[in-house]
């Protein structure tokens, strides 16, 4: 797939339409702010993640293989 060709085709379609609703829908789609999943977390969830990061920094973790071996 040639991305430049795809872009040109979309531009050509937009240039050929006088339907304002289509133009506004495409504009909204292309300018929509990307949502960060972090913003959807509660403060408690964010704090748990931060605590997990601090534990990793202190070396307080076990790797996956060690964890699995304890539970087999």
Foldseek 3Di string as FASTA:
>chain_A
DDPVVVVVVVVVVVVPDPPVVVVVVVVCVVPPDDDDVVVVDDPVVVVVVVVVVVCVVVVNDDDPVVVVVVVD
